[in-house]
Amino acid sequence: MNKGIGSGGPDHHRDIVLMDLRNHGESDHHKSMTYLEMAEDLIRFADAKHLEKLTLIGHNVGAKTAMMAAQMYPERIAGLISLDTAPVSSPLEARKGTMGVIDQLLSINLKGMTRKSAIDAVGQMFSDPGIANFVTNNIVYEGEDDE
């Protein structure tokens, strides 16, 4: 989990901690990635840093994780800001579509590819090149030539 600490200005001091959720960025990677597990990860991280009360800000998966943490540990949450995410579940058909895309992505062997090669390989699955760029954003490349 990555972290960065800053302050909220001279009149109001707040420590700011940026946390990568599991399977994001340089955080630990796990086979399972439920909102319940990520909310528990968040609270374990806070406990390790001796943070008692949290104001959470999250976007997309981070927002849903923050909402789950707020439901599970309301006494620990001082505030919650959800960016671009509503506290509702996705319709079943949308989840099935998403899982199908994830299954397709998992079938591509990206090992040893450069970022450009991975974008090209994933891009064959989508008509919008921006989606391929987004999908390959969290892949860690060894010996990257990032052309």
N, C-alpha and C. Protein backbone atom coordinates (compact mmCIF):
# COMPACT_ATOMS: atom_id res chain seq x y z
N MET A 1 0.84 -1.16 0.00
CA MET A 1 0.00 0.00 0.00
C MET A 1 0.89 1.23 0.00
N ASN A 2 0.64 2.11 -0.92
CA ASN A 2 1.40 3.36 -0.99
C ASN A 2 0.79 4.36 -0.02
N LYS A 3 1.62 5.23 0.48
CA LYS A 3 1.07 6.27 1.35
C LYS A 3 1.85 7.55 1.17
N GLY A 4 1.18 8.64 1.36
CA GLY A 4 1.81 9.94 1.32
C GLY A 4 1.16 10.78 2.39
N ILE A 5 1.91 11.58 3.08
CA ILE A 5 1.35 12.36 4.17
C ILE A 5 1.55 13.83 3.87
N GLY A 6 0.53 14.61 4.10
CA GLY A 6 0.60 16.05 3.90
C GLY A 6 -0.20 16.73 4.98
N SER A 7 -0.45 18.01 4.84
CA SER A 7 -1.27 18.70 5.84
C SER A 7 -2.32 19.54 5.14
N GLY A 8 -3.34 19.86 5.88
CA GLY A 8 -4.46 20.60 5.33
C GLY A 8 -4.33 22.09 5.41
N GLY A 9 -3.17 22.63 5.69
CA GLY A 9 -2.99 24.07 5.73
C GLY A 9 -2.71 24.56 7.14
N PRO A 10 -2.39 25.84 7.27
CA PRO A 10 -1.96 26.37 8.58
C PRO A 10 -3.08 26.42 9.61
N ASP A 11 -4.32 26.64 9.20
CA ASP A 11 -5.42 26.77 10.15
C ASP A 11 -6.04 25.43 10.54
N HIS A 12 -5.97 24.46 9.67
CA HIS A 12 -6.59 23.16 9.90
C HIS A 12 -5.59 22.07 9.54
N HIS A 13 -5.09 21.41 10.54
CA HIS A 13 -4.12 20.34 10.26
C HIS A 13 -4.85 19.01 10.08
N ARG A 14 -4.55 18.35 8.99
CA ARG A 14 -5.05 16.99 8.73
C ARG A 14 -3.94 16.21 8.08
N ASP A 15 -3.76 15.00 8.54
CA ASP A 15 -2.85 14.10 7.85
C ASP A 15 -3.60 13.49 6.69
N ILE A 16 -2.96 13.40 5.56
CA ILE A 16 -3.57 12.81 4.35
C ILE A 16 -2.78 11.56 4.00
N VAL A 17 -3.48 10.46 3.91
CA VAL A 17 -2.84 9.19 3.59
C VAL A 17 -3.50 8.66 2.31
N LEU A 18 -2.68 8.39 1.31
CA LEU A 18 -3.17 7.83 0.06
C LEU A 18 -2.90 6.33 0.08
N MET A 19 -3.93 5.53 -0.16
CA MET A 19 -3.80 4.09 -0.04
C MET A 19 -4.22 3.41 -1.34
N ASP A 20 -3.36 2.55 -1.85
CA ASP A 20 -3.75 1.70 -2.98
C ASP A 20 -4.52 0.51 -2.43
N LEU A 21 -5.66 0.21 -2.99
CA LEU A 21 -6.39 -0.98 -2.59
C LEU A 21 -5.69 -2.22 -3.13
N ARG A 22 -6.02 -3.38 -2.60
CA ARG A 22 -5.43 -4.62 -3.10
C ARG A 22 -5.65 -4.71 -4.61
N ASN A 23 -4.69 -5.25 -5.29
CA ASN A 23 -4.72 -5.43 -6.75
C ASN A 23 -4.69 -4.11 -7.53
N HIS A 24 -4.34 -3.02 -6.88
CA HIS A 24 -4.21 -1.72 -7.53
C HIS A 24 -2.80 -1.20 -7.30
N GLY A 25 -2.23 -0.58 -8.31
CA GLY A 25 -0.92 0.04 -8.17
C GLY A 25 0.12 -0.95 -7.68
N GLU A 26 0.85 -0.56 -6.65
CA GLU A 26 1.92 -1.39 -6.12
C GLU A 26 1.52 -2.15 -4.86
N SER A 27 0.21 -2.23 -4.59
CA SER A 27 -0.25 -2.93 -3.40
C SER A 27 -0.15 -4.45 -3.59
N ASP A 28 -0.39 -5.18 -2.51
CA ASP A 28 -0.38 -6.64 -2.58
C ASP A 28 -1.47 -7.11 -3.55
N HIS A 29 -1.19 -8.19 -4.23
CA HIS A 29 -2.16 -8.76 -5.16
C HIS A 29 -2.72 -10.06 -4.62
N HIS A 30 -4.04 -10.20 -4.69
CA HIS A 30 -4.76 -11.34 -4.13
C HIS A 30 -5.71 -11.89 -5.19
N LYS A 31 -6.09 -13.15 -5.05
CA LYS A 31 -7.06 -13.75 -5.98
C LYS A 31 -8.45 -13.18 -5.75
N SER A 32 -8.75 -12.85 -4.50
CA SER A 32 -10.07 -12.34 -4.15
C SER A 32 -9.99 -10.84 -3.90
N MET A 33 -11.04 -10.12 -4.28
CA MET A 33 -11.04 -8.67 -4.15
C MET A 33 -12.46 -8.17 -3.91
N THR A 34 -13.06 -8.58 -2.78
CA THR A 34 -14.41 -8.14 -2.48
C THR A 34 -14.36 -6.80 -1.74
N TYR A 35 -15.49 -6.10 -1.74
CA TYR A 35 -15.55 -4.83 -1.01
C TYR A 35 -15.38 -5.09 0.49
N LEU A 36 -15.90 -6.19 0.98
CA LEU A 36 -15.73 -6.55 2.39
C LEU A 36 -14.24 -6.70 2.72
N GLU A 37 -13.51 -7.45 1.90
CA GLU A 37 -12.07 -7.65 2.14
C GLU A 37 -11.30 -6.33 2.06
N MET A 38 -11.65 -5.49 1.07
CA MET A 38 -10.93 -4.23 0.92
C MET A 38 -11.25 -3.27 2.07
N ALA A 39 -12.49 -3.30 2.57
CA ALA A 39 -12.84 -2.48 3.73
C ALA A 39 -12.05 -2.95 4.96
N GLU A 40 -11.92 -4.27 5.12
CA GLU A 40 -11.12 -4.79 6.23
C GLU A 40 -9.65 -4.42 6.06
N ASP A 41 -9.14 -4.46 4.80
CA ASP A 41 -7.76 -4.02 4.54
C ASP A 41 -7.58 -2.56 4.98
N LEU A 42 -8.55 -1.73 4.63
CA LEU A 42 -8.50 -0.30 4.97
C LEU A 42 -8.42 -0.11 6.48
N ILE A 43 -9.25 -0.82 7.23
CA ILE A 43 -9.26 -0.68 8.68
C ILE A 43 -7.97 -1.24 9.29
N ARG A 44 -7.45 -2.35 8.76
CA ARG A 44 -6.17 -2.88 9.24
C ARG A 44 -5.04 -1.87 9.00
N PHE A 45 -5.08 -1.22 7.83
CA PHE A 45 -4.09 -0.18 7.50
C PHE A 45 -4.20 0.97 8.51
N ALA A 46 -5.42 1.42 8.77
CA ALA A 46 -5.65 2.51 9.73
C ALA A 46 -5.15 2.10 11.12
N ASP A 47 -5.43 0.86 11.53
CA ASP A 47 -4.97 0.39 12.84
C ASP A 47 -3.45 0.38 12.91
N ALA A 48 -2.80 -0.07 11.84
CA ALA A 48 -1.33 -0.12 11.82
C ALA A 48 -0.73 1.28 11.92
N LYS A 49 -1.46 2.28 11.41
CA LYS A 49 -0.98 3.67 11.45
C LYS A 49 -1.53 4.43 12.67
N HIS A 50 -2.26 3.72 13.55
CA HIS A 50 -2.86 4.31 14.75
C HIS A 50 -3.81 5.45 14.40
N LEU A 51 -4.59 5.26 13.35
CA LEU A 51 -5.59 6.25 12.93
C LEU A 51 -6.95 5.79 13.45
N GLU A 52 -7.51 6.53 14.39
CA GLU A 52 -8.76 6.12 15.02
C GLU A 52 -9.99 6.53 14.22
N LYS A 53 -10.07 7.81 13.86
CA LYS A 53 -11.22 8.34 13.11
C LYS A 53 -10.75 8.70 11.71
N LEU A 54 -11.52 8.33 10.71
CA LEU A 54 -11.13 8.54 9.32
C LEU A 54 -12.18 9.34 8.58
N THR A 55 -11.72 10.22 7.73
CA THR A 55 -12.58 10.82 6.72
C THR A 55 -12.10 10.21 5.41
N LEU A 56 -12.98 9.47 4.75
CA LEU A 56 -12.61 8.72 3.56
C LEU A 56 -13.07 9.43 2.30
N ILE A 57 -12.21 9.44 1.30
CA ILE A 57 -12.54 9.95 -0.02
C ILE A 57 -12.22 8.83 -1.00
N GLY A 58 -13.19 8.46 -1.81
CA GLY A 58 -12.94 7.38 -2.77
C GLY A 58 -13.64 7.62 -4.07
N HIS A 59 -13.08 7.02 -5.11
CA HIS A 59 -13.66 7.08 -6.45
C HIS A 59 -13.84 5.66 -6.95
N ASN A 60 -15.00 5.37 -7.52
CA ASN A 60 -15.29 4.07 -8.12
C ASN A 60 -15.12 2.97 -7.08
N VAL A 61 -14.16 2.04 -7.28
CA VAL A 61 -13.95 0.94 -6.34
C VAL A 61 -13.57 1.49 -4.96
N GLY A 62 -12.78 2.55 -4.93
CA GLY A 62 -12.41 3.17 -3.66
C GLY A 62 -13.61 3.72 -2.93
N ALA A 63 -14.55 4.30 -3.67
CA ALA A 63 -15.76 4.84 -3.05
C ALA A 63 -16.64 3.72 -2.48
N LYS A 64 -16.79 2.65 -3.25
CA LYS A 64 -17.60 1.52 -2.75
C LYS A 64 -16.93 0.88 -1.54
N THR A 65 -15.60 0.81 -1.55
CA THR A 65 -14.87 0.28 -0.39
C THR A 65 -15.07 1.19 0.81
N ALA A 66 -15.00 2.50 0.60
CA ALA A 66 -15.21 3.45 1.69
C ALA A 66 -16.63 3.33 2.25
N MET A 67 -17.62 3.15 1.36
CA MET A 67 -19.00 2.97 1.82
C MET A 67 -19.15 1.70 2.65
N MET A 68 -18.49 0.62 2.21
CA MET A 68 -18.54 -0.64 2.95
C MET A 68 -17.89 -0.46 4.32
N ALA A 69 -16.74 0.21 4.37
CA ALA A 69 -16.07 0.45 5.65
C ALA A 69 -16.97 1.27 6.58
N ALA A 70 -17.66 2.26 6.03
CA ALA A 70 -18.56 3.10 6.83
C ALA A 70 -19.72 2.28 7.38
N GLN A 71 -20.21 1.31 6.62
CA GLN A 71 -21.29 0.44 7.11
C GLN A 71 -20.79 -0.53 8.18
N MET A 72 -19.58 -1.04 7.98
CA MET A 72 -19.03 -2.03 8.90
C MET A 72 -18.48 -1.41 10.19
N TYR A 73 -17.90 -0.22 10.08
CA TYR A 73 -17.23 0.43 11.21
C TYR A 73 -17.68 1.89 11.35
N PRO A 74 -18.97 2.13 11.55
CA PRO A 74 -19.46 3.52 11.58
C PRO A 74 -18.79 4.37 12.67
N GLU A 75 -18.38 3.73 13.75
CA GLU A 75 -17.72 4.46 14.84
C GLU A 75 -16.33 4.97 14.45
N ARG A 76 -15.76 4.42 13.38
CA ARG A 76 -14.41 4.82 12.94
C ARG A 76 -14.43 5.89 11.86
N ILE A 77 -15.61 6.13 11.28
CA ILE A 77 -15.69 7.02 10.11
C ILE A 77 -16.28 8.37 10.52
N ALA A 78 -15.46 9.43 10.35
CA ALA A 78 -15.90 10.79 10.67
C ALA A 78 -16.62 11.42 9.49
N GLY A 79 -16.28 10.99 8.28
CA GLY A 79 -16.90 11.55 7.08
C GLY A 79 -16.59 10.68 5.88
N LEU A 80 -17.38 10.84 4.84
CA LEU A 80 -17.22 10.03 3.64
C LEU A 80 -17.56 10.87 2.42
N ILE A 81 -16.65 10.90 1.45
CA ILE A 81 -16.90 11.59 0.19
C ILE A 81 -16.79 10.54 -0.91
N SER A 82 -17.88 10.34 -1.63
CA SER A 82 -17.91 9.38 -2.72
C SER A 82 -17.92 10.14 -4.04
N LEU A 83 -16.87 9.94 -4.83
CA LEU A 83 -16.76 10.64 -6.10
C LEU A 83 -17.25 9.74 -7.23
N ASP A 84 -18.29 10.18 -7.92
CA ASP A 84 -18.77 9.51 -9.12
C ASP A 84 -19.25 8.08 -8.89
N THR A 85 -19.73 7.79 -7.66
CA THR A 85 -20.20 6.44 -7.37
C THR A 85 -21.40 6.52 -6.44
N ALA A 86 -22.45 5.80 -6.79
CA ALA A 86 -23.65 5.77 -5.95
C ALA A 86 -23.61 4.52 -5.07
N PRO A 87 -24.27 4.56 -3.92
CA PRO A 87 -24.28 3.40 -3.02
C PRO A 87 -25.30 2.34 -3.44
N VAL A 88 -25.19 1.88 -4.67
CA VAL A 88 -26.10 0.85 -5.18
C VAL A 88 -25.29 -0.24 -5.88
N SER A 89 -25.87 -1.42 -5.98
CA SER A 89 -25.22 -2.52 -6.69
C SER A 89 -25.46 -2.37 -8.18
N SER A 90 -24.55 -2.94 -8.96
CA SER A 90 -24.71 -2.94 -10.41
C SER A 90 -25.78 -3.97 -10.78
N PRO A 91 -26.57 -3.70 -11.82
CA PRO A 91 -27.54 -4.69 -12.27
C PRO A 91 -26.82 -5.99 -12.65
N LEU A 92 -27.49 -7.11 -12.48
CA LEU A 92 -26.90 -8.42 -12.75
C LEU A 92 -26.33 -8.51 -14.16
N GLU A 93 -27.03 -8.02 -15.17
CA GLU A 93 -26.53 -8.11 -16.55
C GLU A 93 -25.24 -7.33 -16.73
N ALA A 94 -25.14 -6.18 -16.09
CA ALA A 94 -23.91 -5.39 -16.19
C ALA A 94 -22.75 -6.14 -15.56
N ARG A 95 -23.00 -6.79 -14.41
CA ARG A 95 -21.94 -7.56 -13.76
C ARG A 95 -21.52 -8.74 -14.62
N LYS A 96 -22.50 -9.41 -15.26
CA LYS A 96 -22.15 -10.54 -16.13
C LYS A 96 -21.31 -10.05 -17.30
N GLY A 97 -21.66 -8.90 -17.87
CA GLY A 97 -20.89 -8.33 -18.97
C GLY A 97 -19.48 -7.98 -18.53
N THR A 98 -19.37 -7.39 -17.36
CA THR A 98 -18.06 -7.05 -16.82
C THR A 98 -17.22 -8.30 -16.60
N MET A 99 -17.82 -9.33 -16.03
CA MET A 99 -17.08 -10.57 -15.78
C MET A 99 -16.64 -11.21 -17.09
N GLY A 100 -17.46 -11.11 -18.13
CA GLY A 100 -17.06 -11.63 -19.44
C GLY A 100 -15.84 -10.93 -19.99
N VAL A 101 -15.82 -9.61 -19.84
CA VAL A 101 -14.66 -8.83 -20.30
C VAL A 101 -13.43 -9.20 -19.48
N ILE A 102 -13.60 -9.35 -18.17
CA ILE A 102 -12.47 -9.72 -17.32
C ILE A 102 -11.94 -11.10 -17.73
N ASP A 103 -12.84 -12.05 -18.00
CA ASP A 103 -12.41 -13.38 -18.46
C ASP A 103 -11.62 -13.27 -19.76
N GLN A 104 -12.08 -12.43 -20.68
CA GLN A 104 -11.36 -12.23 -21.94
C GLN A 104 -9.96 -11.65 -21.68
N LEU A 105 -9.91 -10.66 -20.80
CA LEU A 105 -8.62 -10.03 -20.49
C LEU A 105 -7.66 -11.02 -19.85
N LEU A 106 -8.18 -11.87 -18.97
CA LEU A 106 -7.33 -12.86 -18.31
C LEU A 106 -6.78 -13.90 -19.28
N SER A 107 -7.45 -14.06 -20.42
CA SER A 107 -6.99 -15.05 -21.40
C SER A 107 -5.79 -14.55 -22.21
N ILE A 108 -5.48 -13.25 -22.11
CA ILE A 108 -4.34 -12.69 -22.84
C ILE A 108 -3.08 -12.86 -22.00
N ASN A 109 -2.05 -13.43 -22.56
CA ASN A 109 -0.78 -13.57 -21.86
C ASN A 109 0.06 -12.32 -22.10
N LEU A 110 0.14 -11.46 -21.10
CA LEU A 110 0.87 -10.20 -21.21
C LEU A 110 2.29 -10.31 -20.68
N LYS A 111 2.66 -11.47 -20.18
CA LYS A 111 3.99 -11.64 -19.59
C LYS A 111 5.08 -11.31 -20.61
N GLY A 112 5.99 -10.46 -20.18
CA GLY A 112 7.11 -10.07 -21.03
C GLY A 112 6.80 -8.99 -22.05
N MET A 113 5.55 -8.54 -22.11
CA MET A 113 5.19 -7.50 -23.08
C MET A 113 5.58 -6.12 -22.55
N THR A 114 5.87 -5.22 -23.47
CA THR A 114 6.04 -3.82 -23.11
C THR A 114 4.65 -3.22 -22.96
N ARG A 115 4.58 -2.03 -22.40
CA ARG A 115 3.27 -1.37 -22.26
C ARG A 115 2.60 -1.19 -23.62
N LYS A 116 3.35 -0.76 -24.61
CA LYS A 116 2.78 -0.55 -25.94
C LYS A 116 2.24 -1.85 -26.52
N SER A 117 2.99 -2.95 -26.38
CA SER A 117 2.53 -4.25 -26.88
C SER A 117 1.27 -4.71 -26.17
N ALA A 118 1.22 -4.48 -24.85
CA ALA A 118 0.04 -4.87 -24.08
C ALA A 118 -1.17 -4.05 -24.50
N ILE A 119 -0.99 -2.76 -24.71
CA ILE A 119 -2.10 -1.91 -25.17
C ILE A 119 -2.59 -2.40 -26.53
N ASP A 120 -1.66 -2.74 -27.42
CA ASP A 120 -2.05 -3.24 -28.74
C ASP A 120 -2.82 -4.55 -28.62
N ALA A 121 -2.35 -5.47 -27.76
CA ALA A 121 -3.02 -6.76 -27.59
C ALA A 121 -4.42 -6.59 -27.01
N VAL A 122 -4.53 -5.77 -25.97
CA VAL A 122 -5.84 -5.53 -25.34
C VAL A 122 -6.72 -4.72 -26.29
N GLY A 123 -6.12 -3.82 -27.06
CA GLY A 123 -6.87 -2.98 -28.00
C GLY A 123 -7.62 -3.75 -29.06
N GLN A 124 -7.16 -4.97 -29.36
CA GLN A 124 -7.87 -5.80 -30.34
C GLN A 124 -9.24 -6.23 -29.83
N MET A 125 -9.47 -6.12 -28.52
CA MET A 125 -10.75 -6.52 -27.92
C MET A 125 -11.76 -5.37 -27.89
N PHE A 126 -11.29 -4.13 -28.03
CA PHE A 126 -12.16 -2.97 -27.86
C PHE A 126 -12.05 -2.05 -29.07
N SER A 127 -13.16 -1.43 -29.43
CA SER A 127 -13.12 -0.50 -30.56
C SER A 127 -12.55 0.87 -30.14
N ASP A 128 -12.61 1.17 -28.85
CA ASP A 128 -12.11 2.45 -28.34
C ASP A 128 -10.70 2.26 -27.78
N PRO A 129 -9.67 2.88 -28.41
CA PRO A 129 -8.30 2.71 -27.91
C PRO A 129 -8.10 3.24 -26.49
N GLY A 130 -8.92 4.17 -26.08
CA GLY A 130 -8.83 4.70 -24.71
C GLY A 130 -9.13 3.63 -23.67
N ILE A 131 -10.02 2.69 -24.00
CA ILE A 131 -10.35 1.62 -23.06
C ILE A 131 -9.14 0.72 -22.86
N ALA A 132 -8.46 0.35 -23.94
CA ALA A 132 -7.26 -0.50 -23.84
C ALA A 132 -6.20 0.21 -23.01
N ASN A 133 -6.04 1.50 -23.21
CA ASN A 133 -5.07 2.27 -22.43
C ASN A 133 -5.45 2.24 -20.96
N PHE A 134 -6.74 2.41 -20.65
CA PHE A 134 -7.22 2.40 -19.27
C PHE A 134 -7.03 1.02 -18.64
N VAL A 135 -7.42 -0.03 -19.37
CA VAL A 135 -7.35 -1.40 -18.85
C VAL A 135 -5.91 -1.79 -18.52
N THR A 136 -4.96 -1.34 -19.30
CA THR A 136 -3.56 -1.72 -19.08
C THR A 136 -2.84 -0.77 -18.13
N ASN A 137 -3.54 0.18 -17.56
CA ASN A 137 -2.93 1.20 -16.72
C ASN A 137 -2.27 0.66 -15.46
N ASN A 138 -2.83 -0.39 -14.84
CA ASN A 138 -2.31 -0.90 -13.58
C ASN A 138 -1.34 -2.07 -13.73
N ILE A 139 -0.96 -2.40 -14.95
CA ILE A 139 -0.01 -3.49 -15.15
C ILE A 139 1.39 -2.98 -14.84
N VAL A 140 2.15 -3.79 -14.12
CA VAL A 140 3.54 -3.44 -13.81
C VAL A 140 4.41 -4.13 -14.85
N TYR A 141 5.20 -3.35 -15.55
CA TYR A 141 6.04 -3.86 -16.63
C TYR A 141 7.49 -3.90 -16.19
N GLU A 142 8.16 -5.01 -16.48
CA GLU A 142 9.59 -5.11 -16.20
C GLU A 142 10.35 -4.73 -17.44
N GLY A 143 11.37 -3.89 -17.30
CA GLY A 143 12.16 -3.46 -18.47
C GLY A 143 11.33 -2.71 -19.47
N GLU A 144 10.42 -1.90 -19.00
CA GLU A 144 9.46 -1.18 -19.84
C GLU A 144 10.17 -0.23 -20.79
N ASP A 145 9.70 -0.25 -22.06
CA ASP A 145 10.27 0.71 -23.04
C ASP A 145 9.30 1.85 -23.30
N ASP A 146 8.15 1.84 -22.69
CA ASP A 146 7.12 2.89 -22.69
C ASP A 146 7.20 3.87 -23.84
N GLU A 147 7.11 3.38 -25.05
CA GLU A 147 7.19 4.22 -26.25
C GLU A 147 5.97 5.08 -26.41
